[in-house]
């Protein structure tokens, strides 16, 4: 592939993916704006009571082939609307581009369903465990949408629609720029080099998990395509796919000012993906 073609592809594909997730991101911000300005006490009570089931619905949501959901949940986590368990669940279960690539390549339905069940199961287990441990320690999320809006320099005069649109455009611009750069890096990396690194004895699962943490849809496409081409084993594939939560981590580090908290979530995501992916690789 010529250099100019690589550049154009690196600009075009992330742009299309960013457009696809824009309605989801916008609706999430619109919902948070509505809660801040006119949300009823009754609805807020329902949301607080439903937090205990967050990892369950978040894991189910992540299975849909769209990385925008993880970004939306990350934004909601930054405002305290959902728990850390829900965020971890959607990051672990997000299938992103894995599903359409496997379907297009004719991978057996049994394998695809097994991977989806694994991602859902790991998301639920880690999500509920994280929430349980934090509740035992007395660390629960408090809603702080107002502080979030102050950080983002929102204006009440704008109204919820304009404010939500401003939030959306800011985060989409960052997602697109970072995604384009990461996509370019993946494109210029020789396939043989990537295959040799991902299949390096002993540490292949660790390397695949680290690569999976890169918040970009090109990662899930690359890992899945390598598996389809029989250039990547099932174990490193599972580790990488579990760790790859779409743009979730990118949005999280953008909107959540607690760096220590963000690093804890990233480490939990890494360890969970590595352990469950490695173990499941011996079973599947």
C-alpha atoms as a PDB file:
ATOM      1  CA  UNK A   1       0.000   0.000   0.000  1.00  0.00           C
ATOM      2  CA  UNK A   2       1.399   3.377  -1.047  1.00  0.00           C
ATOM      3  CA  UNK A   3       2.158   5.919   1.660  1.00  0.00           C
ATOM      4  CA  UNK A   4      -0.475   8.402   0.418  1.00  0.00           C
ATOM      5  CA  UNK A   5      -3.053   5.621   0.296  1.00  0.00           C
ATOM      6  CA  UNK A   6      -2.203   4.680   3.880  1.00  0.00           C
ATOM      7  CA  UNK A   7      -2.616   8.295   5.003  1.00  0.00           C
ATOM      8  CA  UNK A   8      -5.962   8.666   3.239  1.00  0.00           C
ATOM      9  CA  UNK A   9      -7.220   5.369   4.659  1.00  0.00           C
ATOM     10  CA  UNK A  10      -6.061   6.389   8.138  1.00  0.00           C
ATOM     11  CA  UNK A  11      -8.065   9.607   7.814  1.00  0.00           C
ATOM     12  CA  UNK A  12     -11.153   8.095   6.201  1.00  0.00           C
ATOM     13  CA  UNK A  13     -11.791   4.977   8.312  1.00  0.00           C
ATOM     14  CA  UNK A  14     -11.602   6.710  11.729  1.00  0.00           C
ATOM     15  CA  UNK A  15     -13.841   9.482  10.349  1.00  0.00           C
ATOM     16  CA  UNK A  16     -16.512   6.955   9.366  1.00  0.00           C
ATOM     17  CA  UNK A  17     -16.232   5.178  12.732  1.00  0.00           C
ATOM     18  CA  UNK A  18     -16.452   8.499  14.593  1.00  0.00           C
ATOM     19  CA  UNK A  19     -19.599   9.434  12.672  1.00  0.00           C
ATOM     20  CA  UNK A  20     -21.161   6.071  13.516  1.00  0.00           C
ATOM     21  CA  UNK A  21     -20.669   6.565  17.246  1.00  0.00           C
ATOM     22  CA  UNK A  22     -21.670  10.261  17.306  1.00  0.00           C
ATOM     23  CA  UNK A  23     -25.432   9.659  17.905  1.00  0.00           C
ATOM     24  CA  UNK A  24     -24.663   7.412  20.886  1.00  0.00           C
ATOM     25  CA  UNK A  25     -22.239   9.899  22.441  1.00  0.00           C
ATOM     26  CA  UNK A  26     -24.665  12.768  21.849  1.00  0.00           C
ATOM     27  CA  UNK A  27     -27.601  10.942  23.450  1.00  0.00           C
ATOM     28  CA  UNK A  28     -25.467  10.058  26.479  1.00  0.00           C
ATOM     29  CA  UNK A  29     -24.452  13.696  26.986  1.00  0.00           C
ATOM     30  CA  UNK A  30     -28.015  14.862  26.358  1.00  0.00           C
ATOM     31  CA  UNK A  31     -29.234  12.490  29.055  1.00  0.00           C
ATOM     32  CA  UNK A  32     -26.626  13.768  31.520  1.00  0.00           C
ATOM     33  CA  UNK A  33     -27.485  17.385  30.698  1.00  0.00           C
ATOM     34  CA  UNK A  34     -31.148  16.637  31.266  1.00  0.00           C
ATOM     35  CA  UNK A  35     -30.363  15.096  34.654  1.00  0.00           C
ATOM     36  CA  UNK A  36     -28.345  18.178  35.594  1.00  0.00           C
ATOM     37  CA  UNK A  37     -30.948  20.749  34.575  1.00  0.00           C
ATOM     38  CA  UNK A  38     -34.374  19.141  34.814  1.00  0.00           C
ATOM     39  CA  UNK A  39     -34.120  15.529  35.931  1.00  0.00           C
ATOM     40  CA  UNK A  40     -36.855  14.550  38.354  1.00  0.00           C
ATOM     41  CA  UNK A  41     -36.108  13.238  41.817  1.00  0.00           C
ATOM     42  CA  UNK A  42     -38.096  10.113  40.952  1.00  0.00           C
ATOM     43  CA  UNK A  43     -35.917   9.293  37.939  1.00  0.00           C
ATOM     44  CA  UNK A  44     -32.735   9.975  39.896  1.00  0.00           C
ATOM     45  CA  UNK A  45     -33.988   7.540  42.531  1.00  0.00           C
ATOM     46  CA  UNK A  46     -34.592   4.892  39.876  1.00  0.00           C
ATOM     47  CA  UNK A  47     -31.074   5.420  38.508  1.00  0.00           C
ATOM     48  CA  UNK A  48     -29.509   5.053  41.941  1.00  0.00           C
ATOM     49  CA  UNK A  49     -31.449   1.842  42.609  1.00  0.00           C
ATOM     50  CA  UNK A  50     -30.527   0.433  39.198  1.00  0.00           C
ATOM     51  CA  UNK A  51     -26.809   0.990  39.742  1.00  0.00           C
ATOM     52  CA  UNK A  52     -26.540  -2.392  41.428  1.00  0.00           C
ATOM     53  CA  UNK A  53     -27.463  -4.032  38.107  1.00  0.00           C
ATOM     54  CA  UNK A  54     -25.085  -1.846  36.080  1.00  0.00           C
ATOM     55  CA  UNK A  55     -22.544  -4.570  35.193  1.00  0.00           C
ATOM     56  CA  UNK A  56     -25.329  -6.753  33.805  1.00  0.00           C
ATOM     57  CA  UNK A  57     -26.831  -4.286  31.333  1.00  0.00           C
ATOM     58  CA  UNK A  58     -23.413  -2.793  30.526  1.00  0.00           C
ATOM     59  CA  UNK A  59     -22.049  -6.232  29.568  1.00  0.00           C
ATOM     60  CA  UNK A  60     -25.051  -6.840  27.329  1.00  0.00           C
ATOM     61  CA  UNK A  61     -24.679  -3.392  25.753  1.00  0.00           C
ATOM     62  CA  UNK A  62     -21.000  -4.004  25.011  1.00  0.00           C
ATOM     63  CA  UNK A  63     -21.776  -7.058  22.880  1.00  0.00           C
ATOM     64  CA  UNK A  64     -23.349  -4.858  20.210  1.00  0.00           C
ATOM     65  CA  UNK A  65     -20.726  -4.206  17.479  1.00  0.00           C
ATOM     66  CA  UNK A  66     -20.337  -0.500  18.206  1.00  0.00           C
ATOM     67  CA  UNK A  67     -17.452   0.980  20.216  1.00  0.00           C
ATOM     68  CA  UNK A  68     -19.437   4.144  20.959  1.00  0.00           C
ATOM     69  CA  UNK A  69     -21.270   2.504  23.857  1.00  0.00           C
ATOM     70  CA  UNK A  70     -18.079   2.161  25.901  1.00  0.00           C
ATOM     71  CA  UNK A  71     -17.356   5.848  25.343  1.00  0.00           C
ATOM     72  CA  UNK A  72     -20.871   6.788  26.417  1.00  0.00           C
ATOM     73  CA  UNK A  73     -20.622   4.701  29.613  1.00  0.00           C
ATOM     74  CA  UNK A  74     -17.187   6.209  30.350  1.00  0.00           C
ATOM     75  CA  UNK A  75     -18.728   9.672  30.179  1.00  0.00           C
ATOM     76  CA  UNK A  76     -21.553   8.597  32.488  1.00  0.00           C
ATOM     77  CA  UNK A  77     -19.027   7.108  34.912  1.00  0.00           C
ATOM     78  CA  UNK A  78     -17.145  10.420  35.049  1.00  0.00           C
ATOM     79  CA  UNK A  79     -20.347  12.078  36.305  1.00  0.00           C
ATOM     80  CA  UNK A  80     -21.128   9.322  38.800  1.00  0.00           C
ATOM     81  CA  UNK A  81     -24.234   8.218  36.905  1.00  0.00           C
ATOM     82  CA  UNK A  82     -22.982   4.619  36.675  1.00  0.00           C
ATOM     83  CA  UNK A  83     -20.577   2.584  38.816  1.00  0.00           C
ATOM     84  CA  UNK A  84     -17.017   1.510  38.083  1.00  0.00           C
ATOM     85  CA  UNK A  85     -18.370  -2.031  37.731  1.00  0.00           C
ATOM     86  CA  UNK A  86     -20.595  -0.960  34.842  1.00  0.00           C
ATOM     87  CA  UNK A  87     -17.658   0.749  33.159  1.00  0.00           C
ATOM     88  CA  UNK A  88     -15.380  -2.281  33.539  1.00  0.00           C
ATOM     89  CA  UNK A  89     -18.172  -4.528  32.305  1.00  0.00           C
ATOM     90  CA  UNK A  90     -18.725  -2.590  29.082  1.00  0.00           C
ATOM     91  CA  UNK A  91     -14.979  -2.294  28.451  1.00  0.00           C
ATOM     92  CA  UNK A  92     -14.507  -6.055  28.791  1.00  0.00           C
ATOM     93  CA  UNK A  93     -17.568  -7.058  26.792  1.00  0.00           C
ATOM     94  CA  UNK A  94     -17.258  -4.558  23.932  1.00  0.00           C
ATOM     95  CA  UNK A  95     -16.961  -6.597  20.729  1.00  0.00           C
ATOM     96  CA  UNK A  96     -16.305  -3.583  18.477  1.00  0.00           C
ATOM     97  CA  UNK A  97     -15.346  -4.737  14.947  1.00  0.00           C
ATOM     98  CA  UNK A  98     -14.639  -8.335  15.935  1.00  0.00           C
ATOM     99  CA  UNK A  99     -18.151  -9.569  15.166  1.00  0.00           C
ATOM    100  CA  UNK A 100     -18.536  -8.284  11.571  1.00  0.00           C
ATOM    101  CA  UNK A 101     -14.984  -9.387  10.656  1.00  0.00           C
ATOM    102  CA  UNK A 102     -15.592 -12.926  11.909  1.00  0.00           C
ATOM    103  CA  UNK A 103     -19.005 -13.144  10.284  1.00  0.00           C
ATOM    104  CA  UNK A 104     -17.575 -11.917   6.988  1.00  0.00           C
ATOM    105  CA  UNK A 105     -14.725 -14.450   7.167  1.00  0.00           C
ATOM    106  CA  UNK A 106     -17.074 -17.365   7.763  1.00  0.00           C
ATOM    107  CA  UNK A 107     -15.827 -18.236  11.258  1.00  0.00           C
ATOM    108  CA  UNK A 108     -18.053 -20.893  12.806  1.00  0.00           C
ATOM    109  CA  UNK A 109     -21.056 -19.694  14.772  1.00  0.00           C
ATOM    110  CA  UNK A 110     -19.939 -21.870  17.689  1.00  0.00           C
ATOM    111  CA  UNK A 111     -16.629 -19.996  17.990  1.00  0.00           C
ATOM    112  CA  UNK A 112     -18.256 -16.572  17.673  1.00  0.00           C
ATOM    113  CA  UNK A 113     -20.940 -17.347  20.260  1.00  0.00           C
ATOM    114  CA  UNK A 114     -18.318 -18.794  22.634  1.00  0.00           C
ATOM    115  CA  UNK A 115     -16.247 -15.583  22.415  1.00  0.00           C
ATOM    116  CA  UNK A 116     -19.301 -13.380  22.968  1.00  0.00           C
ATOM    117  CA  UNK A 117     -20.406 -15.460  25.961  1.00  0.00           C
ATOM    118  CA  UNK A 118     -16.884 -15.251  27.390  1.00  0.00           C
ATOM    119  CA  UNK A 119     -16.779 -11.460  27.031  1.00  0.00           C
ATOM    120  CA  UNK A 120     -20.231 -11.102  28.593  1.00  0.00           C
ATOM    121  CA  UNK A 121     -19.349 -13.478  31.453  1.00  0.00           C
ATOM    122  CA  UNK A 122     -16.037 -11.760  32.245  1.00  0.00           C
ATOM    123  CA  UNK A 123     -17.705  -8.339  32.130  1.00  0.00           C
ATOM    124  CA  UNK A 124     -20.413  -9.412  34.576  1.00  0.00           C
ATOM    125  CA  UNK A 125     -18.020 -11.168  36.966  1.00  0.00           C
ATOM    126  CA  UNK A 126     -15.410  -8.402  37.092  1.00  0.00           C
ATOM    127  CA  UNK A 127     -18.056  -5.671  37.136  1.00  0.00           C
ATOM    128  CA  UNK A 128     -20.029  -7.069  40.068  1.00  0.00           C
ATOM    129  CA  UNK A 129     -16.821  -7.986  41.911  1.00  0.00           C
ATOM    130  CA  UNK A 130     -15.433  -4.448  41.570  1.00  0.00           C
ATOM    131  CA  UNK A 131     -18.688  -2.898  42.822  1.00  0.00           C
ATOM    132  CA  UNK A 132     -18.901  -5.358  45.719  1.00  0.00           C
ATOM    133  CA  UNK A 133     -15.323  -4.717  46.852  1.00  0.00           C
ATOM    134  CA  UNK A 134     -15.702  -0.936  46.634  1.00  0.00           C
ATOM    135  CA  UNK A 135     -19.003  -1.001  48.543  1.00  0.00           C
ATOM    136  CA  UNK A 136     -17.369  -3.083  51.284  1.00  0.00           C
ATOM    137  CA  UNK A 137     -14.674  -0.435  51.516  1.00  0.00           C
ATOM    138  CA  UNK A 138     -17.288   2.301  51.648  1.00  0.00           C
ATOM    139  CA  UNK A 139     -16.219   3.750  48.304  1.00  0.00           C
ATOM    140  CA  UNK A 140     -19.285   4.434  46.189  1.00  0.00           C
ATOM    141  CA  UNK A 141     -19.761   6.872  43.335  1.00  0.00           C
ATOM    142  CA  UNK A 142     -21.616  10.080  44.043  1.00  0.00           C
ATOM    143  CA  UNK A 143     -23.266  11.954  41.219  1.00  0.00           C
ATOM    144  CA  UNK A 144     -21.320  15.082  40.373  1.00  0.00           C
ATOM    145  CA  UNK A 145     -22.693  16.143  37.032  1.00  0.00           C
ATOM    146  CA  UNK A 146     -22.539  19.780  38.140  1.00  0.00           C
ATOM    147  CA  UNK A 147     -18.782  19.581  38.749  1.00  0.00           C
ATOM    148  CA  UNK A 148     -18.353  17.870  35.382  1.00  0.00           C
ATOM    149  CA  UNK A 149     -20.210  20.676  33.630  1.00  0.00           C
ATOM    150  CA  UNK A 150     -18.060  23.269  35.386  1.00  0.00           C
ATOM    151  CA  UNK A 151     -14.917  21.467  34.238  1.00  0.00           C
ATOM    152  CA  UNK A 152     -16.241  21.432  30.666  1.00  0.00           C
ATOM    153  CA  UNK A 153     -17.199  25.139  30.966  1.00  0.00           C
ATOM    154  CA  UNK A 154     -20.861  24.574  30.189  1.00  0.00           C
ATOM    155  CA  UNK A 155     -23.270  27.483  30.253  1.00  0.00           C
ATOM    156  CA  UNK A 156     -26.816  27.123  31.525  1.00  0.00           C
ATOM    157  CA  UNK A 157     -27.821  29.746  28.958  1.00  0.00           C
ATOM    158  CA  UNK A 158     -27.000  27.303  26.153  1.00  0.00           C
ATOM    159  CA  UNK A 159     -29.756  24.880  27.037  1.00  0.00           C
ATOM    160  CA  UNK A 160     -29.354  21.116  27.257  1.00  0.00           C
ATOM    161  CA  UNK A 161     -29.293  20.525  23.475  1.00  0.00           C
ATOM    162  CA  UNK A 162     -26.507  22.998  22.737  1.00  0.00           C
ATOM    163  CA  UNK A 163     -24.510  21.939  25.802  1.00  0.00           C
ATOM    164  CA  UNK A 164     -24.803  18.264  24.832  1.00  0.00           C
ATOM    165  CA  UNK A 165     -23.750  19.122  21.279  1.00  0.00           C
ATOM    166  CA  UNK A 166     -20.679  21.023  22.547  1.00  0.00           C
ATOM    167  CA  UNK A 167     -19.652  18.096  24.755  1.00  0.00           C
ATOM    168  CA  UNK A 168     -20.147  15.703  21.850  1.00  0.00           C
ATOM    169  CA  UNK A 169     -18.124  17.737  19.350  1.00  0.00           C
ATOM    170  CA  UNK A 170     -15.246  18.123  21.835  1.00  0.00           C
ATOM    171  CA  UNK A 171     -14.966  14.426  22.572  1.00  0.00           C
ATOM    172  CA  UNK A 172     -15.517  13.369  18.951  1.00  0.00           C
ATOM    173  CA  UNK A 173     -12.717  15.665  17.788  1.00  0.00           C
ATOM    174  CA  UNK A 174     -10.317  14.040  20.260  1.00  0.00           C
ATOM    175  CA  UNK A 175     -11.522  10.548  19.337  1.00  0.00           C
ATOM    176  CA  UNK A 176     -11.010  11.219  15.640  1.00  0.00           C
ATOM    177  CA  UNK A 177      -7.518  12.715  15.973  1.00  0.00           C
ATOM    178  CA  UNK A 178      -6.230   9.975  18.270  1.00  0.00           C
ATOM    179  CA  UNK A 179      -7.931   7.246  16.232  1.00  0.00           C
ATOM    180  CA  UNK A 180      -6.412   8.537  12.985  1.00  0.00           C
ATOM    181  CA  UNK A 181      -2.926   8.555  14.498  1.00  0.00           C
ATOM    182  CA  UNK A 182      -3.321   5.066  15.964  1.00  0.00           C
ATOM    183  CA  UNK A 183      -4.818   3.749  12.737  1.00  0.00           C
ATOM    184  CA  UNK A 184      -1.832   5.124  10.827  1.00  0.00           C
ATOM    185  CA  UNK A 185       0.569   3.453  13.266  1.00  0.00           C
ATOM    186  CA  UNK A 186      -1.184   0.105  12.786  1.00  0.00           C
ATOM    187  CA  UNK A 187      -1.157   0.483   8.990  1.00  0.00           C
ATOM    188  CA  UNK A 188       2.577   1.182   8.750  1.00  0.00           C
ATOM    189  CA  UNK A 189       3.534  -1.658  11.097  1.00  0.00           C
ATOM    190  CA  UNK A 190       4.666  -4.628   8.963  1.00  0.00           C
ATOM    191  CA  UNK A 191       2.312  -7.570   9.365  1.00  0.00           C
ATOM    192  CA  UNK A 192       5.194 -10.030   9.789  1.00  0.00           C
ATOM    193  CA  UNK A 193       6.618  -7.956  12.626  1.00  0.00           C
ATOM    194  CA  UNK A 194       3.236  -7.792  14.357  1.00  0.00           C
ATOM    195  CA  UNK A 195       2.702 -11.537  13.972  1.00  0.00           C
ATOM    196  CA  UNK A 196       6.143 -12.381  15.378  1.00  0.00           C
ATOM    197  CA  UNK A 197       5.579 -10.106  18.384  1.00  0.00           C
ATOM    198  CA  UNK A 198       2.103 -11.482  19.072  1.00  0.00           C
ATOM    199  CA  UNK A 199       3.332 -15.059  18.854  1.00  0.00           C
ATOM    200  CA  UNK A 200       6.491 -14.595  20.896  1.00  0.00           C
ATOM    201  CA  UNK A 201       6.842 -17.592  23.256  1.00  0.00           C
ATOM    202  CA  UNK A 202       5.623 -17.181  26.848  1.00  0.00           C
ATOM    203  CA  UNK A 203       4.696 -13.490  26.661  1.00  0.00           C
ATOM    204  CA  UNK A 204       2.342 -13.518  23.653  1.00  0.00           C
ATOM    205  CA  UNK A 205      -0.735 -13.108  25.860  1.00  0.00           C
ATOM    206  CA  UNK A 206       0.839 -10.170  27.693  1.00  0.00           C
ATOM    207  CA  UNK A 207       1.756  -8.439  24.440  1.00  0.00           C
ATOM    208  CA  UNK A 208      -1.708  -9.065  22.961  1.00  0.00           C
ATOM    209  CA  UNK A 209      -3.364  -7.658  26.085  1.00  0.00           C
ATOM    210  CA  UNK A 210      -1.199  -4.531  25.979  1.00  0.00           C
ATOM    211  CA  UNK A 211      -2.029  -4.042  22.306  1.00  0.00           C
ATOM    212  CA  UNK A 212      -5.694  -4.545  23.128  1.00  0.00           C
ATOM    213  CA  UNK A 213      -5.600  -1.622  25.557  1.00  0.00           C
ATOM    214  CA  UNK A 214      -4.998   0.743  22.631  1.00  0.00           C
ATOM    215  CA  UNK A 215      -8.355   2.575  22.332  1.00  0.00           C
ATOM    216  CA  UNK A 216      -8.985   2.156  18.633  1.00  0.00           C
ATOM    217  CA  UNK A 217     -11.217  -0.026  16.436  1.00  0.00           C
ATOM    218  CA  UNK A 218      -8.250  -0.827  14.155  1.00  0.00           C
ATOM    219  CA  UNK A 219      -6.821  -2.964  16.956  1.00  0.00           C
ATOM    220  CA  UNK A 220      -9.799  -5.316  17.159  1.00  0.00           C
ATOM    221  CA  UNK A 221      -9.909  -5.532  13.351  1.00  0.00           C
ATOM    222  CA  UNK A 222      -6.191  -6.361  13.151  1.00  0.00           C
ATOM    223  CA  UNK A 223      -6.269  -8.984  15.914  1.00  0.00           C
ATOM    224  CA  UNK A 224      -9.364 -10.652  14.492  1.00  0.00           C
ATOM    225  CA  UNK A 225      -8.012 -10.643  10.944  1.00  0.00           C
ATOM    226  CA  UNK A 226      -4.749 -12.218  12.104  1.00  0.00           C
ATOM    227  CA  UNK A 227      -6.770 -14.956  13.810  1.00  0.00           C
ATOM    228  CA  UNK A 228      -8.847 -15.450  10.649  1.00  0.00           C
ATOM    229  CA  UNK A 229      -5.612 -15.806   8.651  1.00  0.00           C
ATOM    230  CA  UNK A 230      -4.353 -18.415  11.188  1.00  0.00           C
ATOM    231  CA  UNK A 231      -1.495 -16.079  12.109  1.00  0.00           C
ATOM    232  CA  UNK A 232      -2.664 -15.650  15.713  1.00  0.00           C
ATOM    233  CA  UNK A 233      -3.663 -18.219  18.326  1.00  0.00           C
ATOM    234  CA  UNK A 234      -6.979 -18.187  20.185  1.00  0.00           C
ATOM    235  CA  UNK A 235      -5.429 -17.354  23.571  1.00  0.00           C
ATOM    236  CA  UNK A 236      -3.702 -14.063  22.609  1.00  0.00           C
ATOM    237  CA  UNK A 237      -6.764 -13.195  20.516  1.00  0.00           C
ATOM    238  CA  UNK A 238      -9.042 -13.514  23.549  1.00  0.00           C
ATOM    239  CA  UNK A 239      -6.657 -11.499  25.723  1.00  0.00           C
ATOM    240  CA  UNK A 240      -6.520  -8.704  23.166  1.00  0.00           C
ATOM    241  CA  UNK A 241     -10.266  -8.647  22.488  1.00  0.00           C
ATOM    242  CA  UNK A 242     -11.144  -8.563  26.179  1.00  0.00           C
ATOM    243  CA  UNK A 243      -8.793  -5.635  26.758  1.00  0.00           C
ATOM    244  CA  UNK A 244      -9.957  -3.687  23.717  1.00  0.00           C
ATOM    245  CA  UNK A 245     -12.911  -1.653  24.961  1.00  0.00           C
ATOM    246  CA  UNK A 246     -13.344   0.546  21.922  1.00  0.00           C
ATOM    247  CA  UNK A 247     -12.859   4.241  22.689  1.00  0.00           C
ATOM    248  CA  UNK A 248     -13.844   3.768  26.339  1.00  0.00           C
ATOM    249  CA  UNK A 249     -10.405   4.358  27.858  1.00  0.00           C
ATOM    250  CA  UNK A 250      -9.782   7.333  25.582  1.00  0.00           C
ATOM    251  CA  UNK A 251     -12.997   9.020  26.729  1.00  0.00           C
ATOM    252  CA  UNK A 252     -12.314   8.076  30.353  1.00  0.00           C
ATOM    253  CA  UNK A 253      -8.892   9.760  30.441  1.00  0.00           C
ATOM    254  CA  UNK A 254     -10.383  12.780  28.684  1.00  0.00           C
ATOM    255  CA  UNK A 255     -13.354  13.410  30.992  1.00  0.00           C
ATOM    256  CA  UNK A 256     -12.292  11.946  34.352  1.00  0.00           C
ATOM    257  CA  UNK A 257      -9.776  14.084  36.224  1.00  0.00           C
ATOM    258  CA  UNK A 258      -8.885  11.391  38.766  1.00  0.00           C
ATOM    259  CA  UNK A 259      -5.738   9.946  37.156  1.00  0.00           C
ATOM    260  CA  UNK A 260      -5.178   7.434  39.959  1.00  0.00           C
ATOM    261  CA  UNK A 261      -8.702   6.126  39.451  1.00  0.00           C
ATOM    262  CA  UNK A 262      -8.203   5.888  35.682  1.00  0.00           C
ATOM    263  CA  UNK A 263      -4.970   3.947  36.103  1.00  0.00           C
ATOM    264  CA  UNK A 264      -6.661   1.563  38.544  1.00  0.00           C
ATOM    265  CA  UNK A 265      -9.413   0.865  35.999  1.00  0.00           C
ATOM    266  CA  UNK A 266      -6.840   0.328  33.250  1.00  0.00           C
ATOM    267  CA  UNK A 267      -4.809  -2.063  35.418  1.00  0.00           C
ATOM    268  CA  UNK A 268      -7.933  -4.008  36.382  1.00  0.00           C
ATOM    269  CA  UNK A 269      -8.888  -4.242  32.718  1.00  0.00           C
ATOM    270  CA  UNK A 270      -5.396  -5.465  31.820  1.00  0.00           C
ATOM    271  CA  UNK A 271      -5.167  -8.125  34.534  1.00  0.00           C
ATOM    272  CA  UNK A 272      -8.722  -9.380  33.993  1.00  0.00           C
ATOM    273  CA  UNK A 273      -8.189  -9.679  30.239  1.00  0.00           C
ATOM    274  CA  UNK A 274      -4.846 -11.427  30.660  1.00  0.00           C
ATOM    275  CA  UNK A 275      -6.066 -13.978  33.201  1.00  0.00           C
ATOM    276  CA  UNK A 276      -9.445 -14.831  31.683  1.00  0.00           C
ATOM    277  CA  UNK A 277      -8.146 -14.723  28.106  1.00  0.00           C
ATOM    278  CA  UNK A 278      -5.274 -17.066  28.909  1.00  0.00           C
ATOM    279  CA  UNK A 279      -7.435 -19.541  30.826  1.00  0.00           C
ATOM    280  CA  UNK A 280     -10.195 -19.514  28.199  1.00  0.00           C
ATOM    281  CA  UNK A 281      -7.597 -20.084  25.489  1.00  0.00           C
ATOM    282  CA  UNK A 282      -6.901 -23.537  26.896  1.00  0.00           C
ATOM    283  CA  UNK A 283     -10.624 -24.374  26.856  1.00  0.00           C
ATOM    284  CA  UNK A 284     -11.760 -23.071  23.474  1.00  0.00           C
END
